Amino acid sequence: MTAAVHEQSGPVDDRPRRRTALYAAVAVGLTIALFVGVLATRKPAADRVAPSRLIGRPAPDVSGPGLDGSRFALSAQQGKYVLVNFFATWCIPCVQEHPQLRLFFERHQAAGDAAVVSVVYRDEPADVRRFFDERGGGWPVVEDEAAKVDWGVRGVPESFLVSPDGIVLTRVVGGVSDVGLERLLAQADRALRGGRP
C-alpha cells in the first residue's frame, strides 16, 4: 500500500511556487521603481515654499550677540532683503546648504541688496564657531532663543525671506540652493516693483 501511494504521488509540481515568487518579485520591483520615480521628480528643497502665519506680516525681530561679539538686530536691516536662516551644525541638510548660502551671501553682499543672518537652533556656541571657522561665511550668526518661538520654527533648516520694508515674504522648509534663492528673490522683487506706481 505504501509503494502504491509513492507511485501515484510522483514528482512535486513547483510551478505555483515559482509563479508566486515571480509575482512577488515583480511587485517589489514596481514598488522600488515608483519610489525612485517619486524621489527623482519631487521638487528640490529650495522650492519647498511652505505656508506660515507670518507671511505678509512684519517680521519678528531677531536680535542678539553674534559669533564675533557684535550685536545684531533684524530691525536695523531695513532697505534690503534679508534671508533669516535657522540652522544647527548637527543638521545634515544645514551642512549641505551652507555652500549655497555662501554663494548667495557673497553675490548680494557685493551688490548690497540682500543679506543673510543665521539663527542658531539648539546647538553649542563652540560647535557653531568651529563650523563657521572651517566652512566660512561672513554673515551674522545670532543666538536668539526667543526667535525660534516667534518665527514658529519646529526644525532645521528653515529659512524666511524678509522684504526691504520688514515684511515676511516666503518660508522655505528644508535646505536651500543658490539658484532657488535667486528665483525667490526675483519673484519677490517683481511683485514688490509691480505694486509700485
N, C-alpha and C. Protein backbone atom coordinates (compact mmCIF):
# COMPACT_ATOMS: atom_id res chain seq x y z
N MET A 1 0.82 -1.19 0.00
CA MET A 1 0.00 0.00 0.00
C MET A 1 0.87 1.26 0.00
N THR A 2 1.93 1.23 0.77
CA THR A 2 2.81 2.38 0.81
C THR A 2 3.47 2.61 -0.52
N ALA A 3 3.91 1.56 -1.19
CA ALA A 3 4.53 1.69 -2.50
C ALA A 3 3.56 2.29 -3.49
N ALA A 4 2.30 1.92 -3.43
CA ALA A 4 1.30 2.45 -4.36
C ALA A 4 1.11 3.95 -4.17
N VAL A 5 1.15 4.37 -2.93
CA VAL A 5 0.99 5.81 -2.66
C VAL A 5 2.14 6.58 -3.28
N HIS A 6 3.39 6.06 -3.12
CA HIS A 6 4.54 6.75 -3.69
C HIS A 6 4.47 6.81 -5.20
N GLU A 7 3.99 5.76 -5.83
CA GLU A 7 3.92 5.76 -7.29
C GLU A 7 2.89 6.76 -7.78
N GLN A 8 1.77 6.91 -7.06
CA GLN A 8 0.72 7.82 -7.52
C GLN A 8 1.10 9.28 -7.31
N SER A 9 1.83 9.59 -6.23
CA SER A 9 2.13 10.99 -5.98
C SER A 9 3.12 11.54 -6.99
N GLY A 10 4.08 10.84 -7.46
CA GLY A 10 5.01 11.27 -8.49
C GLY A 10 5.80 12.50 -8.07
N PRO A 11 6.44 13.20 -9.02
CA PRO A 11 7.23 14.38 -8.69
C PRO A 11 6.33 15.54 -8.27
N VAL A 12 6.83 16.39 -7.39
CA VAL A 12 6.06 17.54 -6.89
C VAL A 12 6.10 18.65 -7.94
N ASP A 13 4.94 19.21 -8.24
CA ASP A 13 4.85 20.31 -9.22
C ASP A 13 5.11 21.63 -8.48
N ASP A 14 6.27 22.26 -8.76
CA ASP A 14 6.59 23.51 -8.06
C ASP A 14 6.31 24.75 -8.92
N ARG A 15 5.55 24.60 -9.99
CA ARG A 15 5.20 25.76 -10.83
C ARG A 15 4.39 26.81 -10.08
N PRO A 16 3.43 26.45 -9.23
CA PRO A 16 2.70 27.50 -8.49
C PRO A 16 3.63 28.33 -7.59
N ARG A 17 4.63 27.66 -6.98
CA ARG A 17 5.57 28.40 -6.13
C ARG A 17 6.40 29.37 -6.95
N ARG A 18 6.85 28.92 -8.12
CA ARG A 18 7.65 29.79 -8.99
C ARG A 18 6.83 30.99 -9.43
N ARG A 19 5.58 30.75 -9.76
CA ARG A 19 4.70 31.82 -10.20
C ARG A 19 4.50 32.84 -9.07
N THR A 20 4.29 32.36 -7.85
CA THR A 20 4.11 33.25 -6.70
C THR A 20 5.37 34.08 -6.46
N ALA A 21 6.53 33.44 -6.54
CA ALA A 21 7.79 34.15 -6.36
C ALA A 21 7.99 35.20 -7.45
N LEU A 22 7.61 34.87 -8.68
CA LEU A 22 7.73 35.82 -9.79
C LEU A 22 6.83 37.03 -9.56
N TYR A 23 5.58 36.78 -9.13
CA TYR A 23 4.65 37.88 -8.86
C TYR A 23 5.18 38.77 -7.73
N ALA A 24 5.73 38.16 -6.70
CA ALA A 24 6.27 38.93 -5.58
C ALA A 24 7.46 39.78 -6.05
N ALA A 25 8.34 39.20 -6.87
CA ALA A 25 9.50 39.95 -7.38
C ALA A 25 9.06 41.12 -8.25
N VAL A 26 8.06 40.91 -9.08
CA VAL A 26 7.54 41.99 -9.94
C VAL A 26 6.93 43.10 -9.08
N ALA A 27 6.17 42.71 -8.04
CA ALA A 27 5.55 43.71 -7.16
C ALA A 27 6.61 44.54 -6.44
N VAL A 28 7.65 43.89 -5.93
CA VAL A 28 8.73 44.60 -5.26
C VAL A 28 9.44 45.53 -6.25
N GLY A 29 9.71 45.03 -7.45
CA GLY A 29 10.38 45.85 -8.47
C GLY A 29 9.57 47.08 -8.84
N LEU A 30 8.26 46.92 -9.00
CA LEU A 30 7.40 48.06 -9.32
C LEU A 30 7.35 49.08 -8.18
N THR A 31 7.32 48.57 -6.96
CA THR A 31 7.32 49.47 -5.80
C THR A 31 8.60 50.29 -5.75
N ILE A 32 9.73 49.65 -5.96
CA ILE A 32 11.02 50.35 -5.96
C ILE A 32 11.06 51.37 -7.09
N ALA A 33 10.61 50.98 -8.28
CA ALA A 33 10.61 51.90 -9.42
C ALA A 33 9.73 53.12 -9.14
N LEU A 34 8.58 52.91 -8.52
CA LEU A 34 7.68 54.01 -8.18
C LEU A 34 8.33 54.94 -7.16
N PHE A 35 8.98 54.37 -6.16
CA PHE A 35 9.66 55.16 -5.13
C PHE A 35 10.78 56.00 -5.74
N VAL A 36 11.58 55.41 -6.60
CA VAL A 36 12.66 56.13 -7.26
C VAL A 36 12.09 57.24 -8.14
N GLY A 37 11.00 56.95 -8.82
CA GLY A 37 10.35 57.97 -9.66
C GLY A 37 9.86 59.15 -8.86
N VAL A 38 9.28 58.90 -7.71
CA VAL A 38 8.81 59.99 -6.85
C VAL A 38 9.99 60.83 -6.38
N LEU A 39 11.05 60.18 -5.94
CA LEU A 39 12.22 60.92 -5.48
C LEU A 39 12.86 61.74 -6.60
N ALA A 40 12.88 61.18 -7.79
CA ALA A 40 13.54 61.87 -8.91
C ALA A 40 12.73 63.06 -9.42
N THR A 41 11.42 63.03 -9.23
CA THR A 41 10.59 64.10 -9.79
C THR A 41 10.08 65.09 -8.76
N ARG A 42 10.35 64.87 -7.48
CA ARG A 42 9.84 65.83 -6.50
C ARG A 42 10.65 67.12 -6.57
N LYS A 43 10.04 68.18 -6.09
CA LYS A 43 10.70 69.49 -6.14
C LYS A 43 11.92 69.48 -5.23
N PRO A 44 12.99 70.19 -5.63
CA PRO A 44 14.12 70.31 -4.72
C PRO A 44 13.72 71.12 -3.50
N ALA A 45 14.48 70.95 -2.43
CA ALA A 45 14.13 71.59 -1.16
C ALA A 45 14.00 73.10 -1.30
N ALA A 46 14.81 73.70 -2.14
CA ALA A 46 14.77 75.15 -2.26
C ALA A 46 13.45 75.63 -2.85
N ASP A 47 12.70 74.74 -3.45
CA ASP A 47 11.41 75.11 -4.00
C ASP A 47 10.26 74.73 -3.05
N ARG A 48 10.58 74.20 -1.90
CA ARG A 48 9.54 73.78 -0.96
C ARG A 48 9.09 74.96 -0.11
N VAL A 49 8.40 75.86 -0.75
CA VAL A 49 7.84 77.00 -0.05
C VAL A 49 6.67 76.49 0.76
N ALA A 50 6.63 76.90 2.02
CA ALA A 50 5.60 76.39 2.93
C ALA A 50 4.80 77.55 3.51
N PRO A 51 3.58 77.28 3.89
CA PRO A 51 2.77 78.35 4.50
C PRO A 51 3.33 78.73 5.87
N SER A 52 3.01 79.93 6.28
CA SER A 52 3.39 80.42 7.61
C SER A 52 2.43 81.52 8.00
N ARG A 53 2.11 81.57 9.27
CA ARG A 53 1.22 82.63 9.77
C ARG A 53 1.88 84.00 9.65
N LEU A 54 3.20 84.01 9.44
CA LEU A 54 3.94 85.27 9.37
C LEU A 54 3.93 85.92 7.99
N ILE A 55 3.63 85.17 6.95
CA ILE A 55 3.71 85.72 5.59
C ILE A 55 2.74 86.89 5.45
N GLY A 56 3.29 88.01 4.96
CA GLY A 56 2.50 89.23 4.81
C GLY A 56 2.48 90.10 6.05
N ARG A 57 3.15 89.67 7.10
CA ARG A 57 3.18 90.43 8.35
C ARG A 57 4.59 90.93 8.64
N PRO A 58 4.70 91.92 9.53
CA PRO A 58 6.05 92.37 9.92
C PRO A 58 6.84 91.22 10.56
N ALA A 59 8.09 91.12 10.18
CA ALA A 59 8.95 90.06 10.70
C ALA A 59 9.22 90.25 12.18
N PRO A 60 9.10 89.17 12.97
CA PRO A 60 9.53 89.28 14.37
C PRO A 60 11.02 89.64 14.40
N ASP A 61 11.42 90.40 15.39
CA ASP A 61 12.83 90.79 15.43
C ASP A 61 13.70 89.58 15.77
N VAL A 62 14.85 89.57 15.20
CA VAL A 62 15.91 88.63 15.56
C VAL A 62 17.02 89.51 16.08
N SER A 63 17.40 89.28 17.31
CA SER A 63 18.48 90.11 17.86
C SER A 63 19.26 89.31 18.88
N GLY A 64 20.49 89.71 19.02
CA GLY A 64 21.33 89.03 19.99
C GLY A 64 22.79 89.17 19.63
N PRO A 65 23.64 88.59 20.47
CA PRO A 65 25.07 88.66 20.20
C PRO A 65 25.44 87.75 19.03
N GLY A 66 26.31 88.24 18.17
CA GLY A 66 26.81 87.43 17.08
C GLY A 66 28.04 86.66 17.52
N LEU A 67 28.51 85.76 16.67
CA LEU A 67 29.71 84.97 16.97
C LEU A 67 30.92 85.86 17.19
N ASP A 68 30.95 87.00 16.49
CA ASP A 68 32.11 87.89 16.60
C ASP A 68 31.99 88.87 17.76
N GLY A 69 30.93 88.75 18.57
CA GLY A 69 30.75 89.63 19.72
C GLY A 69 29.90 90.85 19.44
N SER A 70 29.70 91.16 18.16
CA SER A 70 28.87 92.32 17.83
C SER A 70 27.40 91.98 18.04
N ARG A 71 26.60 93.01 18.15
CA ARG A 71 25.16 92.81 18.36
C ARG A 71 24.44 92.95 17.03
N PHE A 72 23.49 92.05 16.78
CA PHE A 72 22.72 92.08 15.54
C PHE A 72 21.25 92.33 15.87
N ALA A 73 20.58 93.09 15.01
CA ALA A 73 19.13 93.28 15.11
C ALA A 73 18.55 93.32 13.71
N LEU A 74 17.61 92.44 13.45
CA LEU A 74 16.97 92.40 12.13
C LEU A 74 16.30 93.73 11.82
N SER A 75 15.75 94.36 12.83
CA SER A 75 15.05 95.63 12.63
C SER A 75 15.97 96.72 12.08
N ALA A 76 17.27 96.55 12.21
CA ALA A 76 18.23 97.54 11.70
C ALA A 76 18.63 97.26 10.24
N GLN A 77 18.03 96.24 9.62
CA GLN A 77 18.40 95.85 8.26
C GLN A 77 17.46 96.40 7.20
N GLN A 78 16.68 97.42 7.53
CA GLN A 78 15.72 97.99 6.58
C GLN A 78 16.42 98.42 5.29
N GLY A 79 15.73 98.27 4.17
CA GLY A 79 16.25 98.74 2.89
C GLY A 79 16.83 97.65 2.02
N LYS A 80 16.94 96.42 2.53
CA LYS A 80 17.41 95.30 1.70
C LYS A 80 16.69 94.03 2.13
N TYR A 81 16.66 93.08 1.23
CA TYR A 81 16.10 91.78 1.56
C TYR A 81 17.00 91.10 2.58
N VAL A 82 16.39 90.33 3.47
CA VAL A 82 17.17 89.55 4.44
C VAL A 82 16.65 88.12 4.44
N LEU A 83 17.57 87.18 4.31
CA LEU A 83 17.24 85.77 4.44
C LEU A 83 17.56 85.37 5.88
N VAL A 84 16.53 85.03 6.64
CA VAL A 84 16.69 84.58 8.02
C VAL A 84 16.72 83.06 7.98
N ASN A 85 17.88 82.49 8.32
CA ASN A 85 18.12 81.05 8.18
C ASN A 85 18.33 80.43 9.56
N PHE A 86 17.44 79.51 9.93
CA PHE A 86 17.58 78.78 11.20
C PHE A 86 18.36 77.50 10.90
N PHE A 87 19.41 77.24 11.68
CA PHE A 87 20.29 76.12 11.36
C PHE A 87 20.92 75.54 12.64
N ALA A 88 21.54 74.38 12.46
CA ALA A 88 22.34 73.75 13.53
C ALA A 88 23.48 72.99 12.87
N THR A 89 24.59 72.89 13.57
CA THR A 89 25.76 72.21 13.00
C THR A 89 25.56 70.71 12.91
N TRP A 90 24.66 70.15 13.72
CA TRP A 90 24.40 68.70 13.70
C TRP A 90 23.38 68.31 12.63
N CYS A 91 22.85 69.28 11.93
CA CYS A 91 21.80 69.05 10.93
C CYS A 91 22.45 68.84 9.55
N ILE A 92 22.29 67.65 8.98
CA ILE A 92 22.94 67.32 7.70
C ILE A 92 22.46 68.24 6.57
N PRO A 93 21.15 68.49 6.39
CA PRO A 93 20.74 69.43 5.34
C PRO A 93 21.30 70.84 5.56
N CYS A 94 21.53 71.24 6.82
CA CYS A 94 22.13 72.55 7.10
C CYS A 94 23.57 72.58 6.60
N VAL A 95 24.28 71.50 6.83
CA VAL A 95 25.67 71.41 6.36
C VAL A 95 25.70 71.44 4.83
N GLN A 96 24.74 70.73 4.20
CA GLN A 96 24.70 70.66 2.74
C GLN A 96 24.33 72.00 2.11
N GLU A 97 23.48 72.77 2.76
CA GLU A 97 23.06 74.05 2.18
C GLU A 97 24.08 75.16 2.40
N HIS A 98 25.01 74.98 3.31
CA HIS A 98 25.94 76.05 3.68
C HIS A 98 26.71 76.64 2.49
N PRO A 99 27.30 75.81 1.60
CA PRO A 99 27.99 76.40 0.44
C PRO A 99 27.05 77.23 -0.45
N GLN A 100 25.79 76.82 -0.52
CA GLN A 100 24.80 77.57 -1.31
C GLN A 100 24.50 78.92 -0.67
N LEU A 101 24.40 78.93 0.65
CA LEU A 101 24.21 80.20 1.36
C LEU A 101 25.40 81.13 1.15
N ARG A 102 26.60 80.55 1.15
CA ARG A 102 27.80 81.36 0.91
C ARG A 102 27.76 82.02 -0.46
N LEU A 103 27.39 81.27 -1.49
CA LEU A 103 27.29 81.84 -2.83
C LEU A 103 26.30 83.01 -2.86
N PHE A 104 25.13 82.76 -2.29
CA PHE A 104 24.08 83.79 -2.26
C PHE A 104 24.56 85.02 -1.49
N PHE A 105 25.14 84.80 -0.32
CA PHE A 105 25.61 85.90 0.52
C PHE A 105 26.69 86.72 -0.19
N GLU A 106 27.67 86.05 -0.76
CA GLU A 106 28.79 86.77 -1.39
C GLU A 106 28.32 87.61 -2.57
N ARG A 107 27.42 87.07 -3.37
CA ARG A 107 26.91 87.82 -4.52
C ARG A 107 26.16 89.07 -4.06
N HIS A 108 25.31 88.91 -3.05
CA HIS A 108 24.47 90.03 -2.63
C HIS A 108 25.16 90.98 -1.66
N GLN A 109 26.20 90.51 -1.01
CA GLN A 109 26.99 91.42 -0.18
C GLN A 109 27.65 92.46 -1.08
N ALA A 110 28.16 91.99 -2.21
CA ALA A 110 28.79 92.92 -3.17
C ALA A 110 27.76 93.90 -3.74
N ALA A 111 26.55 93.41 -4.03
CA ALA A 111 25.51 94.27 -4.59
C ALA A 111 24.84 95.14 -3.53
N GLY A 112 24.86 94.68 -2.28
CA GLY A 112 24.24 95.44 -1.18
C GLY A 112 22.73 95.40 -1.16
N ASP A 113 22.12 94.46 -1.90
CA ASP A 113 20.66 94.41 -1.98
C ASP A 113 20.01 93.33 -1.12
N ALA A 114 20.81 92.41 -0.59
CA ALA A 114 20.27 91.33 0.24
C ALA A 114 21.33 90.89 1.24
N ALA A 115 20.86 90.40 2.38
CA ALA A 115 21.75 89.94 3.44
C ALA A 115 21.27 88.59 3.95
N VAL A 116 22.11 87.94 4.72
CA VAL A 116 21.79 86.67 5.36
C VAL A 116 22.07 86.80 6.84
N VAL A 117 21.23 86.22 7.66
CA VAL A 117 21.51 86.06 9.08
C VAL A 117 21.13 84.63 9.45
N SER A 118 22.00 83.96 10.17
CA SER A 118 21.70 82.61 10.65
C SER A 118 21.37 82.66 12.13
N VAL A 119 20.34 81.93 12.51
CA VAL A 119 19.92 81.85 13.90
C VAL A 119 20.21 80.43 14.39
N VAL A 120 21.00 80.33 15.43
CA VAL A 120 21.42 79.04 15.97
C VAL A 120 20.22 78.35 16.61
N TYR A 121 20.05 77.08 16.28
CA TYR A 121 18.92 76.30 16.79
C TYR A 121 19.45 75.11 17.59
N ARG A 122 19.30 75.16 18.89
CA ARG A 122 19.69 74.04 19.77
C ARG A 122 21.09 73.52 19.47
N ASP A 123 22.06 74.37 19.63
CA ASP A 123 23.44 74.00 19.33
C ASP A 123 24.38 74.67 20.31
N GLU A 124 25.59 74.18 20.37
CA GLU A 124 26.60 74.71 21.27
C GLU A 124 27.40 75.82 20.58
N PRO A 125 27.63 76.93 21.26
CA PRO A 125 28.39 78.02 20.65
C PRO A 125 29.76 77.59 20.11
N ALA A 126 30.47 76.73 20.84
CA ALA A 126 31.79 76.28 20.38
C ALA A 126 31.68 75.51 19.06
N ASP A 127 30.63 74.68 18.93
CA ASP A 127 30.43 73.92 17.68
C ASP A 127 30.10 74.86 16.53
N VAL A 128 29.31 75.89 16.81
CA VAL A 128 28.93 76.86 15.78
C VAL A 128 30.16 77.65 15.31
N ARG A 129 30.98 78.07 16.25
CA ARG A 129 32.21 78.80 15.88
C ARG A 129 33.12 77.93 15.01
N ARG A 130 33.31 76.68 15.42
CA ARG A 130 34.15 75.76 14.66
C ARG A 130 33.58 75.55 13.26
N PHE A 131 32.27 75.39 13.17
CA PHE A 131 31.58 75.19 11.88
C PHE A 131 31.90 76.33 10.92
N PHE A 132 31.75 77.58 11.39
CA PHE A 132 31.99 78.74 10.53
C PHE A 132 33.47 78.97 10.27
N ASP A 133 34.32 78.62 11.23
CA ASP A 133 35.76 78.72 11.00
C ASP A 133 36.20 77.78 9.89
N GLU A 134 35.63 76.57 9.87
CA GLU A 134 36.02 75.56 8.88
C GLU A 134 35.36 75.79 7.52
N ARG A 135 34.10 76.27 7.51
CA ARG A 135 33.33 76.34 6.26
C ARG A 135 33.16 77.75 5.72
N GLY A 136 33.56 78.74 6.48
CA GLY A 136 33.43 80.11 6.01
C GLY A 136 32.00 80.61 6.12
N GLY A 137 31.82 81.85 5.71
CA GLY A 137 30.52 82.50 5.79
C GLY A 137 30.67 83.76 6.63
N GLY A 138 30.53 84.92 6.01
CA GLY A 138 30.79 86.17 6.72
C GLY A 138 29.55 86.87 7.22
N TRP A 139 28.42 86.22 7.24
CA TRP A 139 27.19 86.87 7.67
C TRP A 139 27.02 86.72 9.19
N PRO A 140 26.14 87.53 9.79
CA PRO A 140 25.91 87.42 11.23
C PRO A 140 25.29 86.07 11.60
N VAL A 141 25.76 85.53 12.71
CA VAL A 141 25.22 84.29 13.28
C VAL A 141 24.81 84.63 14.70
N VAL A 142 23.53 84.48 14.99
CA VAL A 142 22.96 85.00 16.22
C VAL A 142 22.39 83.88 17.08
N GLU A 143 22.58 84.02 18.36
CA GLU A 143 21.90 83.15 19.33
C GLU A 143 20.71 83.94 19.87
N ASP A 144 19.51 83.48 19.53
CA ASP A 144 18.30 84.17 19.98
C ASP A 144 17.26 83.09 20.26
N GLU A 145 17.17 82.68 21.51
CA GLU A 145 16.27 81.59 21.89
C GLU A 145 14.81 81.92 21.59
N ALA A 146 14.43 83.18 21.76
CA ALA A 146 13.03 83.56 21.54
C ALA A 146 12.65 83.50 20.07
N ALA A 147 13.63 83.65 19.17
CA ALA A 147 13.33 83.73 17.73
C ALA A 147 12.66 82.47 17.21
N LYS A 148 13.12 81.30 17.65
CA LYS A 148 12.53 80.07 17.10
C LYS A 148 11.05 79.96 17.46
N VAL A 149 10.68 80.50 18.61
CA VAL A 149 9.26 80.51 19.01
C VAL A 149 8.51 81.58 18.22
N ASP A 150 9.09 82.78 18.16
CA ASP A 150 8.43 83.89 17.46
C ASP A 150 8.20 83.58 15.98
N TRP A 151 9.14 82.86 15.37
CA TRP A 151 9.03 82.55 13.95
C TRP A 151 8.29 81.23 13.70
N GLY A 152 7.97 80.48 14.75
CA GLY A 152 7.24 79.22 14.60
C GLY A 152 8.09 78.10 14.02
N VAL A 153 9.39 78.12 14.29
CA VAL A 153 10.29 77.11 13.74
C VAL A 153 10.23 75.84 14.57
N ARG A 154 10.01 74.71 13.88
CA ARG A 154 9.91 73.42 14.56
C ARG A 154 11.11 72.53 14.32
N GLY A 155 11.89 72.86 13.32
CA GLY A 155 13.06 72.05 12.97
C GLY A 155 13.95 72.85 12.05
N VAL A 156 15.07 72.27 11.70
CA VAL A 156 16.01 72.97 10.83
C VAL A 156 16.39 72.08 9.65
N PRO A 157 16.78 72.67 8.54
CA PRO A 157 16.81 74.10 8.29
C PRO A 157 15.45 74.65 7.90
N GLU A 158 15.23 75.88 8.27
CA GLU A 158 14.08 76.67 7.81
C GLU A 158 14.61 78.06 7.49
N SER A 159 14.08 78.64 6.43
CA SER A 159 14.53 79.98 6.03
C SER A 159 13.33 80.85 5.68
N PHE A 160 13.46 82.12 5.95
CA PHE A 160 12.41 83.09 5.66
C PHE A 160 13.03 84.25 4.88
N LEU A 161 12.37 84.67 3.82
CA LEU A 161 12.81 85.84 3.09
C LEU A 161 11.98 87.03 3.56
N VAL A 162 12.69 88.07 3.99
CA VAL A 162 12.05 89.28 4.52
C VAL A 162 12.30 90.42 3.53
N SER A 163 11.25 91.19 3.27
CA SER A 163 11.34 92.28 2.30
C SER A 163 12.15 93.46 2.85
N PRO A 164 12.56 94.39 1.97
CA PRO A 164 13.30 95.56 2.44
C PRO A 164 12.55 96.42 3.46
N ASP A 165 11.22 96.31 3.48
CA ASP A 165 10.47 97.07 4.48
C ASP A 165 10.06 96.21 5.67
N GLY A 166 10.68 95.02 5.82
CA GLY A 166 10.49 94.22 7.03
C GLY A 166 9.31 93.29 7.06
N ILE A 167 8.75 92.95 5.90
CA ILE A 167 7.60 92.04 5.83
C ILE A 167 8.08 90.65 5.43
N VAL A 168 7.55 89.62 6.10
CA VAL A 168 7.90 88.24 5.76
C VAL A 168 7.22 87.88 4.44
N LEU A 169 8.02 87.48 3.46
CA LEU A 169 7.51 87.17 2.13
C LEU A 169 7.34 85.67 1.88
N THR A 170 8.31 84.88 2.34
CA THR A 170 8.35 83.46 1.98
C THR A 170 8.96 82.66 3.10
N ARG A 171 8.49 81.43 3.25
CA ARG A 171 9.10 80.47 4.17
C ARG A 171 9.51 79.25 3.36
N VAL A 172 10.74 78.79 3.57
CA VAL A 172 11.23 77.58 2.89
C VAL A 172 11.61 76.57 3.96
N VAL A 173 11.04 75.39 3.85
CA VAL A 173 11.35 74.31 4.79
C VAL A 173 12.30 73.35 4.09
N GLY A 174 13.44 73.10 4.70
CA GLY A 174 14.46 72.25 4.10
C GLY A 174 15.62 73.09 3.59
N GLY A 175 16.64 72.41 3.13
CA GLY A 175 17.83 73.09 2.64
C GLY A 175 17.53 73.96 1.43
N VAL A 176 18.28 75.05 1.31
CA VAL A 176 18.11 75.98 0.19
C VAL A 176 19.26 75.82 -0.79
N SER A 177 19.03 76.28 -2.00
CA SER A 177 20.09 76.33 -3.01
C SER A 177 20.23 77.77 -3.48
N ASP A 178 21.39 78.09 -4.00
CA ASP A 178 21.64 79.43 -4.52
C ASP A 178 20.64 79.75 -5.64
N VAL A 179 20.44 78.81 -6.54
CA VAL A 179 19.51 79.02 -7.67
C VAL A 179 18.09 79.24 -7.16
N GLY A 180 17.67 78.41 -6.19
CA GLY A 180 16.33 78.55 -5.64
C GLY A 180 16.14 79.88 -4.93
N LEU A 181 17.16 80.31 -4.20
CA LEU A 181 17.07 81.60 -3.51
C LEU A 181 17.01 82.76 -4.50
N GLU A 182 17.78 82.66 -5.57
CA GLU A 182 17.74 83.71 -6.59
C GLU A 182 16.36 83.78 -7.24
N ARG A 183 15.76 82.63 -7.46
CA ARG A 183 14.42 82.60 -8.04
C ARG A 183 13.40 83.25 -7.10
N LEU A 184 13.48 82.91 -5.80
CA LEU A 184 12.57 83.51 -4.82
C LEU A 184 12.77 85.02 -4.73
N LEU A 185 14.02 85.45 -4.76
CA LEU A 185 14.34 86.88 -4.68
C LEU A 185 13.81 87.62 -5.90
N ALA A 186 13.97 87.03 -7.08
CA ALA A 186 13.48 87.66 -8.31
C ALA A 186 11.95 87.76 -8.29
N GLN A 187 11.29 86.71 -7.83
CA GLN A 187 9.82 86.73 -7.74
C GLN A 187 9.37 87.82 -6.78
N ALA A 188 10.03 87.90 -5.63
CA ALA A 188 9.66 88.91 -4.64
C ALA A 188 9.90 90.31 -5.19
N ASP A 189 11.01 90.49 -5.86
CA ASP A 189 11.34 91.80 -6.41
C ASP A 189 10.33 92.23 -7.47
N ARG A 190 9.95 91.28 -8.34
CA ARG A 190 8.93 91.59 -9.37
C ARG A 190 7.61 91.98 -8.72
N ALA A 191 7.23 91.23 -7.68
CA ALA A 191 5.94 91.51 -7.00
C ALA A 191 5.98 92.87 -6.33
N LEU A 192 7.09 93.19 -5.68
CA LEU A 192 7.18 94.50 -5.00
C LEU A 192 7.20 95.65 -5.99
N ARG A 193 7.94 95.48 -7.09
CA ARG A 193 8.01 96.55 -8.10
C ARG A 193 6.68 96.70 -8.83
N GLY A 194 6.00 95.56 -9.01
CA GLY A 194 4.69 95.60 -9.68
C GLY A 194 3.64 96.34 -8.88
N GLY A 195 3.80 96.37 -7.56
CA GLY A 195 2.83 97.04 -6.71
C GLY A 195 3.08 98.53 -6.59
N ARG A 196 4.20 99.02 -7.14
CA ARG A 196 4.51 100.46 -7.03
C ARG A 196 3.92 101.22 -8.21
N PRO A 197 3.57 102.48 -8.01
CA PRO A 197 3.01 103.28 -9.13
C PRO A 197 4.05 103.57 -10.17
